[in-house]
């Protein structure tokens, strides 16, 4: 990307400073159009529906009794009797 020197930008601003407001606004709009034409659309990420689909579990979550059993089994595996 090529950067325009600050002094050149300042010269442009000084040149158009005396123009009527309508003409300056028209120029600004035309400049913004050139940016819009050359920019690529920004993707913001996945849609909410896609995220929800990714988070769906293939089976229902275990109930409290099943969780207690899993914790106890892991405790026994780690620490023994």
PDB file of N, CA and C in Angstrom:
ATOM      1  N   UNK A   1       0.837  -1.174   0.000  1.00  0.00           N
ATOM      2  CA  UNK A   1       0.000   0.000   0.000  1.00  0.00           C
ATOM      3  C   UNK A   1       0.885   1.242   0.000  1.00  0.00           C
ATOM      4  N   UNK A   2       0.586   2.162  -0.870  1.00  0.00           N
ATOM      5  CA  UNK A   2       1.363   3.389  -0.989  1.00  0.00           C
ATOM      6  C   UNK A   2       0.728   4.452  -0.103  1.00  0.00           C
ATOM      7  N   UNK A   3       1.543   5.133   0.667  1.00  0.00           N
ATOM      8  CA  UNK A   3       1.055   6.184   1.549  1.00  0.00           C
ATOM      9  C   UNK A   3       1.360   7.545   0.937  1.00  0.00           C
ATOM     10  N   UNK A   4       0.389   8.430   1.010  1.00  0.00           N
ATOM     11  CA  UNK A   4       0.560   9.778   0.469  1.00  0.00           C
ATOM     12  C   UNK A   4       1.211  10.638   1.549  1.00  0.00           C
ATOM     13  N   UNK A   5       2.238  11.391   1.179  1.00  0.00           N
ATOM     14  CA  UNK A   5       2.887  12.261   2.169  1.00  0.00           C
ATOM     15  C   UNK A   5       1.903  13.252   2.783  1.00  0.00           C
ATOM     16  N   UNK A   6       2.100  13.549   4.050  1.00  0.00           N
ATOM     17  CA  UNK A   6       1.211  14.440   4.790  1.00  0.00           C
ATOM     18  C   UNK A   6       1.116  15.818   4.154  1.00  0.00           C
ATOM     19  N   UNK A   7       2.225  16.317   3.615  1.00  0.00           N
ATOM     20  CA  UNK A   7       2.192  17.662   3.017  1.00  0.00           C
ATOM     21  C   UNK A   7       1.302  17.696   1.781  1.00  0.00           C
ATOM     22  N   UNK A   8       1.249  16.590   1.032  1.00  0.00           N
ATOM     23  CA  UNK A   8       0.352  16.544  -0.129  1.00  0.00           C
ATOM     24  C   UNK A   8      -1.098  16.566   0.317  1.00  0.00           C
ATOM     25  N   UNK A   9      -1.403  15.800   1.363  1.00  0.00           N
ATOM     26  CA  UNK A   9      -2.771  15.798   1.881  1.00  0.00           C
ATOM     27  C   UNK A   9      -3.155  17.192   2.366  1.00  0.00           C
ATOM     28  N   UNK A  10      -2.233  17.850   3.035  1.00  0.00           N
ATOM     29  CA  UNK A  10      -2.502  19.194   3.545  1.00  0.00           C
ATOM     30  C   UNK A  10      -2.761  20.164   2.399  1.00  0.00           C
ATOM     31  N   UNK A  11      -2.023  20.024   1.290  1.00  0.00           N
ATOM     32  CA  UNK A  11      -2.238  20.887   0.125  1.00  0.00           C
ATOM     33  C   UNK A  11      -3.640  20.683  -0.446  1.00  0.00           C
ATOM     34  N   UNK A  12      -4.071  19.427  -0.503  1.00  0.00           N
ATOM     35  CA  UNK A  12      -5.416  19.139  -1.015  1.00  0.00           C
ATOM     36  C   UNK A  12      -6.466  19.767  -0.111  1.00  0.00           C
ATOM     37  N   UNK A  13      -6.285  19.608   1.201  1.00  0.00           N
ATOM     38  CA  UNK A  13      -7.242  20.179   2.154  1.00  0.00           C
ATOM     39  C   UNK A  13      -7.282  21.704   2.005  1.00  0.00           C
ATOM     40  N   UNK A  14      -6.134  22.320   1.880  1.00  0.00           N
ATOM     41  CA  UNK A  14      -6.085  23.779   1.719  1.00  0.00           C
ATOM     42  C   UNK A  14      -6.747  24.205   0.409  1.00  0.00           C
ATOM     43  N   UNK A  15      -6.580  23.398  -0.629  1.00  0.00           N
ATOM     44  CA  UNK A  15      -7.178  23.718  -1.925  1.00  0.00           C
ATOM     45  C   UNK A  15      -8.696  23.708  -1.851  1.00  0.00           C
ATOM     46  N   UNK A  16      -9.243  22.702  -1.194  1.00  0.00           N
ATOM     47  CA  UNK A  16     -10.709  22.571  -1.177  1.00  0.00           C
ATOM     48  C   UNK A  16     -11.354  23.328  -0.025  1.00  0.00           C
ATOM     49  N   UNK A  17     -10.556  23.848   0.903  1.00  0.00           N
ATOM     50  CA  UNK A  17     -11.115  24.553   2.063  1.00  0.00           C
ATOM     51  C   UNK A  17     -11.982  25.739   1.653  1.00  0.00           C
ATOM     52  N   UNK A  18     -11.658  26.369   0.549  1.00  0.00           N
ATOM     53  CA  UNK A  18     -12.425  27.526   0.100  1.00  0.00           C
ATOM     54  C   UNK A  18     -13.643  27.171  -0.731  1.00  0.00           C
ATOM     55  N   UNK A  19     -13.812  25.923  -1.070  1.00  0.00           N
ATOM     56  CA  UNK A  19     -14.960  25.498  -1.861  1.00  0.00           C
ATOM     57  C   UNK A  19     -16.239  25.592  -1.029  1.00  0.00           C
ATOM     58  N   UNK A  20     -17.359  25.726  -1.719  1.00  0.00           N
ATOM     59  CA  UNK A  20     -18.637  25.677  -1.005  1.00  0.00           C
ATOM     60  C   UNK A  20     -18.823  24.294  -0.357  1.00  0.00           C
ATOM     61  N   UNK A  21     -19.557  24.252   0.750  1.00  0.00           N
ATOM     62  CA  UNK A  21     -19.752  23.013   1.501  1.00  0.00           C
ATOM     63  C   UNK A  21     -20.298  21.894   0.619  1.00  0.00           C
ATOM     64  N   UNK A  22     -21.230  22.223  -0.257  1.00  0.00           N
ATOM     65  CA  UNK A  22     -21.831  21.202  -1.119  1.00  0.00           C
ATOM     66  C   UNK A  22     -20.770  20.519  -1.982  1.00  0.00           C
ATOM     67  N   UNK A  23     -19.871  21.306  -2.543  1.00  0.00           N
ATOM     68  CA  UNK A  23     -18.824  20.750  -3.398  1.00  0.00           C
ATOM     69  C   UNK A  23     -17.837  19.895  -2.597  1.00  0.00           C
ATOM     70  N   UNK A  24     -17.501  20.332  -1.372  1.00  0.00           N
ATOM     71  CA  UNK A  24     -16.602  19.533  -0.540  1.00  0.00           C
ATOM     72  C   UNK A  24     -17.241  18.205  -0.157  1.00  0.00           C
ATOM     73  N   UNK A  25     -18.532  18.234   0.138  1.00  0.00           N
ATOM     74  CA  UNK A  25     -19.247  16.996   0.479  1.00  0.00           C
ATOM     75  C   UNK A  25     -19.296  16.074  -0.730  1.00  0.00           C
ATOM     76  N   UNK A  26     -19.537  16.628  -1.901  1.00  0.00           N
ATOM     77  CA  UNK A  26     -19.552  15.826  -3.127  1.00  0.00           C
ATOM     78  C   UNK A  26     -18.198  15.165  -3.340  1.00  0.00           C
ATOM     79  N   UNK A  27     -17.122  15.920  -3.153  1.00  0.00           N
ATOM     80  CA  UNK A  27     -15.776  15.366  -3.289  1.00  0.00           C
ATOM     81  C   UNK A  27     -15.555  14.239  -2.276  1.00  0.00           C
ATOM     82  N   UNK A  28     -15.953  14.459  -1.044  1.00  0.00           N
ATOM     83  CA  UNK A  28     -15.780  13.441  -0.012  1.00  0.00           C
ATOM     84  C   UNK A  28     -16.536  12.165  -0.376  1.00  0.00           C
ATOM     85  N   UNK A  29     -17.743  12.306  -0.889  1.00  0.00           N
ATOM     86  CA  UNK A  29     -18.531  11.130  -1.292  1.00  0.00           C
ATOM     87  C   UNK A  29     -17.844  10.374  -2.428  1.00  0.00           C
ATOM     88  N   UNK A  30     -17.311  11.114  -3.384  1.00  0.00           N
ATOM     89  CA  UNK A  30     -16.624  10.462  -4.504  1.00  0.00           C
ATOM     90  C   UNK A  30     -15.373   9.727  -4.020  1.00  0.00           C
ATOM     91  N   UNK A  31     -14.660  10.304  -3.066  1.00  0.00           N
ATOM     92  CA  UNK A  31     -13.485   9.634  -2.503  1.00  0.00           C
ATOM     93  C   UNK A  31     -13.909   8.354  -1.805  1.00  0.00           C
ATOM     94  N   UNK A  32     -14.975   8.423  -1.003  1.00  0.00           N
ATOM     95  CA  UNK A  32     -15.467   7.235  -0.300  1.00  0.00           C
ATOM     96  C   UNK A  32     -15.936   6.160  -1.279  1.00  0.00           C
ATOM     97  N   UNK A  33     -16.523   6.566  -2.405  1.00  0.00           N
ATOM     98  CA  UNK A  33     -16.946   5.577  -3.411  1.00  0.00           C
ATOM     99  C   UNK A  33     -15.745   4.827  -3.964  1.00  0.00           C
ATOM    100  N   UNK A  34     -14.635   5.516  -4.166  1.00  0.00           N
ATOM    101  CA  UNK A  34     -13.458   4.820  -4.690  1.00  0.00           C
ATOM    102  C   UNK A  34     -12.929   3.812  -3.681  1.00  0.00           C
ATOM    103  N   UNK A  35     -13.081   4.100  -2.389  1.00  0.00           N
ATOM    104  CA  UNK A  35     -12.652   3.166  -1.349  1.00  0.00           C
ATOM    105  C   UNK A  35     -13.583   1.954  -1.333  1.00  0.00           C
ATOM    106  N   UNK A  36     -14.893   2.200  -1.409  1.00  0.00           N
ATOM    107  CA  UNK A  36     -15.868   1.113  -1.389  1.00  0.00           C
ATOM    108  C   UNK A  36     -15.688   0.188  -2.587  1.00  0.00           C
ATOM    109  N   UNK A  37     -15.348   0.741  -3.730  1.00  0.00           N
ATOM    110  CA  UNK A  37     -15.197  -0.060  -4.944  1.00  0.00           C
ATOM    111  C   UNK A  37     -13.975  -0.972  -4.868  1.00  0.00           C
ATOM    112  N   UNK A  38     -12.937  -0.542  -4.163  1.00  0.00           N
ATOM    113  CA  UNK A  38     -11.712  -1.325  -4.121  1.00  0.00           C
ATOM    114  C   UNK A  38     -11.599  -2.225  -2.898  1.00  0.00           C
ATOM    115  N   UNK A  39     -12.446  -1.999  -1.905  1.00  0.00           N
ATOM    116  CA  UNK A  39     -12.327  -2.798  -0.683  1.00  0.00           C
ATOM    117  C   UNK A  39     -13.068  -4.121  -0.831  1.00  0.00           C
ATOM    118  N   UNK A  40     -12.574  -5.126  -0.122  1.00  0.00           N
ATOM    119  CA  UNK A  40     -13.222  -6.425  -0.126  1.00  0.00           C
ATOM    120  C   UNK A  40     -14.177  -6.491   1.061  1.00  0.00           C
ATOM    121  N   UNK A  41     -15.288  -7.175   0.888  1.00  0.00           N
ATOM    122  CA  UNK A  41     -16.240  -7.241   1.993  1.00  0.00           C
ATOM    123  C   UNK A  41     -15.641  -7.981   3.191  1.00  0.00           C
ATOM    124  N   UNK A  42     -15.933  -7.491   4.357  1.00  0.00           N
ATOM    125  CA  UNK A  42     -15.410  -8.081   5.581  1.00  0.00           C
ATOM    126  C   UNK A  42     -16.418  -9.103   6.094  1.00  0.00           C
ATOM    127  N   UNK A  43     -15.924 -10.312   6.321  1.00  0.00           N
ATOM    128  CA  UNK A  43     -16.794 -11.315   6.909  1.00  0.00           C
ATOM    129  C   UNK A  43     -16.628 -11.243   8.411  1.00  0.00           C
ATOM    130  N   UNK A  44     -17.725 -11.233   9.108  1.00  0.00           N
ATOM    131  CA  UNK A  44     -17.683 -11.043  10.546  1.00  0.00           C
ATOM    132  C   UNK A  44     -17.598 -12.355  11.299  1.00  0.00           C
ATOM    133  N   UNK A  45     -17.601 -13.444  10.610  1.00  0.00           N
ATOM    134  CA  UNK A  45     -17.547 -14.727  11.286  1.00  0.00           C
ATOM    135  C   UNK A  45     -18.763 -15.558  10.937  1.00  0.00           C
ATOM    136  N   UNK A  46     -19.002 -16.534  11.761  1.00  0.00           N
ATOM    137  CA  UNK A  46     -20.108 -17.453  11.485  1.00  0.00           C
ATOM    138  C   UNK A  46     -21.426 -16.857  11.955  1.00  0.00           C
ATOM    139  N   UNK A  47     -22.489 -17.279  11.294  1.00  0.00           N
ATOM    140  CA  UNK A  47     -23.830 -16.874  11.706  1.00  0.00           C
ATOM    141  C   UNK A  47     -24.198 -17.617  12.988  1.00  0.00           C
ATOM    142  N   UNK A  48     -25.135 -17.068  13.720  1.00  0.00           N
ATOM    143  CA  UNK A  48     -25.548 -17.672  14.989  1.00  0.00           C
ATOM    144  C   UNK A  48     -26.031 -19.102  14.779  1.00  0.00           C
ATOM    145  N   UNK A  49     -26.752 -19.349  13.704  1.00  0.00           N
ATOM    146  CA  UNK A  49     -27.264 -20.690  13.436  1.00  0.00           C
ATOM    147  C   UNK A  49     -26.115 -21.693  13.266  1.00  0.00           C
ATOM    148  N   UNK A  50     -25.031 -21.247  12.622  1.00  0.00           N
ATOM    149  CA  UNK A  50     -23.880 -22.118  12.418  1.00  0.00           C
ATOM    150  C   UNK A  50     -23.194 -22.446  13.748  1.00  0.00           C
ATOM    151  N   UNK A  51     -23.093 -21.457  14.618  1.00  0.00           N
ATOM    152  CA  UNK A  51     -22.466 -21.680  15.921  1.00  0.00           C
ATOM    153  C   UNK A  51     -23.309 -22.638  16.750  1.00  0.00           C
ATOM    154  N   UNK A  52     -24.607 -22.433  16.759  1.00  0.00           N
ATOM    155  CA  UNK A  52     -25.506 -23.315  17.514  1.00  0.00           C
ATOM    156  C   UNK A  52     -25.385 -24.742  17.010  1.00  0.00           C
ATOM    157  N   UNK A  53     -25.302 -24.902  15.708  1.00  0.00           N
ATOM    158  CA  UNK A  53     -25.174 -26.245  15.130  1.00  0.00           C
ATOM    159  C   UNK A  53     -23.864 -26.903  15.570  1.00  0.00           C
ATOM    160  N   UNK A  54     -22.786 -26.127  15.631  1.00  0.00           N
ATOM    161  CA  UNK A  54     -21.503 -26.681  16.063  1.00  0.00           C
ATOM    162  C   UNK A  54     -21.523 -27.098  17.532  1.00  0.00           C
ATOM    163  N   UNK A  55     -22.293 -26.391  18.332  1.00  0.00           N
ATOM    164  CA  UNK A  55     -22.329 -26.665  19.765  1.00  0.00           C
ATOM    165  C   UNK A  55     -23.297 -27.770  20.153  1.00  0.00           C
ATOM    166  N   UNK A  56     -24.085 -28.227  19.226  1.00  0.00           N
ATOM    167  CA  UNK A  56     -25.036 -29.296  19.545  1.00  0.00           C
ATOM    168  C   UNK A  56     -24.282 -30.559  19.933  1.00  0.00           C
ATOM    169  N   UNK A  57     -24.734 -31.184  20.992  1.00  0.00           N
ATOM    170  CA  UNK A  57     -24.140 -32.429  21.471  1.00  0.00           C
ATOM    171  C   UNK A  57     -24.792 -33.608  20.739  1.00  0.00           C
ATOM    172  N   UNK A  58     -24.010 -34.636  20.428  1.00  0.00           N
ATOM    173  CA  UNK A  58     -24.584 -35.781  19.734  1.00  0.00           C
ATOM    174  C   UNK A  58     -25.501 -36.608  20.642  1.00  0.00           C
ATOM    175  N   UNK A  59     -25.429 -36.366  21.952  1.00  0.00           N
ATOM    176  CA  UNK A  59     -26.276 -37.088  22.895  1.00  0.00           C
ATOM    177  C   UNK A  59     -26.664 -36.122  24.008  1.00  0.00           C
ATOM    178  N   UNK A  60     -27.704 -36.435  24.766  1.00  0.00           N
ATOM    179  CA  UNK A  60     -28.099 -35.524  25.842  1.00  0.00           C
ATOM    180  C   UNK A  60     -27.045 -35.479  26.946  1.00  0.00           C
ATOM    181  N   UNK A  61     -27.023 -34.380  27.659  1.00  0.00           N
ATOM    182  CA  UNK A  61     -26.070 -34.223  28.761  1.00  0.00           C
ATOM    183  C   UNK A  61     -26.418 -35.201  29.880  1.00  0.00           C
ATOM    184  N   UNK A  62     -25.414 -35.675  30.619  1.00  0.00           N
ATOM    185  CA  UNK A  62     -25.692 -36.604  31.707  1.00  0.00           C
ATOM    186  C   UNK A  62     -26.429 -35.912  32.856  1.00  0.00           C
ATOM    187  N   UNK A  63     -27.243 -36.682  33.563  1.00  0.00           N
ATOM    188  CA  UNK A  63     -27.944 -36.123  34.716  1.00  0.00           C
ATOM    189  C   UNK A  63     -26.999 -36.098  35.925  1.00  0.00           C
ATOM    190  N   UNK A  64     -27.482 -35.610  37.060  1.00  0.00           N
ATOM    191  CA  UNK A  64     -26.638 -35.475  38.245  1.00  0.00           C
ATOM    192  C   UNK A  64     -26.069 -36.812  38.707  1.00  0.00           C
ATOM    193  N   UNK A  65     -26.879 -37.856  38.680  1.00  0.00           N
ATOM    194  CA  UNK A  65     -26.417 -39.167  39.137  1.00  0.00           C
ATOM    195  C   UNK A  65     -25.280 -39.675  38.252  1.00  0.00           C
ATOM    196  N   UNK A  66     -25.424 -39.501  36.943  1.00  0.00           N
ATOM    197  CA  UNK A  66     -24.375 -39.940  36.023  1.00  0.00           C
ATOM    198  C   UNK A  66     -23.099 -39.129  36.240  1.00  0.00           C
ATOM    199  N   UNK A  67     -23.229 -37.821  36.508  1.00  0.00           N
ATOM    200  CA  UNK A  67     -22.051 -36.978  36.770  1.00  0.00           C
ATOM    201  C   UNK A  67     -21.353 -37.438  38.041  1.00  0.00           C
ATOM    202  N   UNK A  68     -22.146 -37.714  39.094  1.00  0.00           N
ATOM    203  CA  UNK A  68     -21.548 -38.202  40.338  1.00  0.00           C
ATOM    204  C   UNK A  68     -20.783 -39.500  40.107  1.00  0.00           C
ATOM    205  N   UNK A  69     -21.357 -40.378  39.296  1.00  0.00           N
ATOM    206  CA  UNK A  69     -20.705 -41.658  39.009  1.00  0.00           C
ATOM    207  C   UNK A  69     -19.396 -41.440  38.246  1.00  0.00           C
ATOM    208  N   UNK A  70     -19.396 -40.542  37.285  1.00  0.00           N
ATOM    209  CA  UNK A  70     -18.197 -40.249  36.509  1.00  0.00           C
ATOM    210  C   UNK A  70     -17.108 -39.685  37.414  1.00  0.00           C
ATOM    211  N   UNK A  71     -17.492 -38.764  38.297  1.00  0.00           N
ATOM    212  CA  UNK A  71     -16.524 -38.164  39.213  1.00  0.00           C
ATOM    213  C   UNK A  71     -15.932 -39.236  40.124  1.00  0.00           C
ATOM    214  N   UNK A  72     -16.788 -40.103  40.657  1.00  0.00           N
ATOM    215  CA  UNK A  72     -16.312 -41.169  41.550  1.00  0.00           C
ATOM    216  C   UNK A  72     -15.378 -42.128  40.821  1.00  0.00           C
ATOM    217  N   UNK A  73     -15.727 -42.498  39.596  1.00  0.00           N
ATOM    218  CA  UNK A  73     -14.869 -43.398  38.814  1.00  0.00           C
ATOM    219  C   UNK A  73     -13.507 -42.761  38.544  1.00  0.00           C
ATOM    220  N   UNK A  74     -13.496 -41.488  38.219  1.00  0.00           N
ATOM    221  CA  UNK A  74     -12.229 -40.795  37.966  1.00  0.00           C
ATOM    222  C   UNK A  74     -11.406 -40.657  39.246  1.00  0.00           C
ATOM    223  N   UNK A  75     -12.089 -40.414  40.370  1.00  0.00           N
ATOM    224  CA  UNK A  75     -11.386 -40.313  41.647  1.00  0.00           C
ATOM    225  C   UNK A  75     -10.736 -41.655  41.996  1.00  0.00           C
ATOM    226  N   UNK A  76     -11.480 -42.742  41.787  1.00  0.00           N
ATOM    227  CA  UNK A  76     -10.930 -44.082  42.061  1.00  0.00           C
ATOM    228  C   UNK A  76      -9.764 -44.405  41.138  1.00  0.00           C
ATOM    229  N   UNK A  77      -9.910 -44.013  39.860  1.00  0.00           N
ATOM    230  CA  UNK A  77      -8.844 -44.282  38.896  1.00  0.00           C
ATOM    231  C   UNK A  77      -7.579 -43.520  39.282  1.00  0.00           C
ATOM    232  N   UNK A  78      -7.757 -42.275  39.730  1.00  0.00           N
ATOM    233  CA  UNK A  78      -6.599 -41.433  40.049  1.00  0.00           C
ATOM    234  C   UNK A  78      -5.963 -41.804  41.397  1.00  0.00           C
ATOM    235  N   UNK A  79      -6.814 -41.983  42.412  1.00  0.00           N
ATOM    236  CA  UNK A  79      -6.281 -42.163  43.764  1.00  0.00           C
ATOM    237  C   UNK A  79      -6.420 -43.596  44.294  1.00  0.00           C
ATOM    238  N   UNK A  80      -7.132 -44.435  43.603  1.00  0.00           N
ATOM    239  CA  UNK A  80      -7.343 -45.808  44.085  1.00  0.00           C
ATOM    240  C   UNK A  80      -8.384 -45.845  45.183  1.00  0.00           C
ATOM    241  N   UNK A  81      -8.420 -46.924  45.912  1.00  0.00           N
ATOM    242  CA  UNK A  81      -9.442 -47.083  46.975  1.00  0.00           C
ATOM    243  C   UNK A  81      -9.289 -46.086  48.044  1.00  0.00           C
TER     244      UNK A  81
END
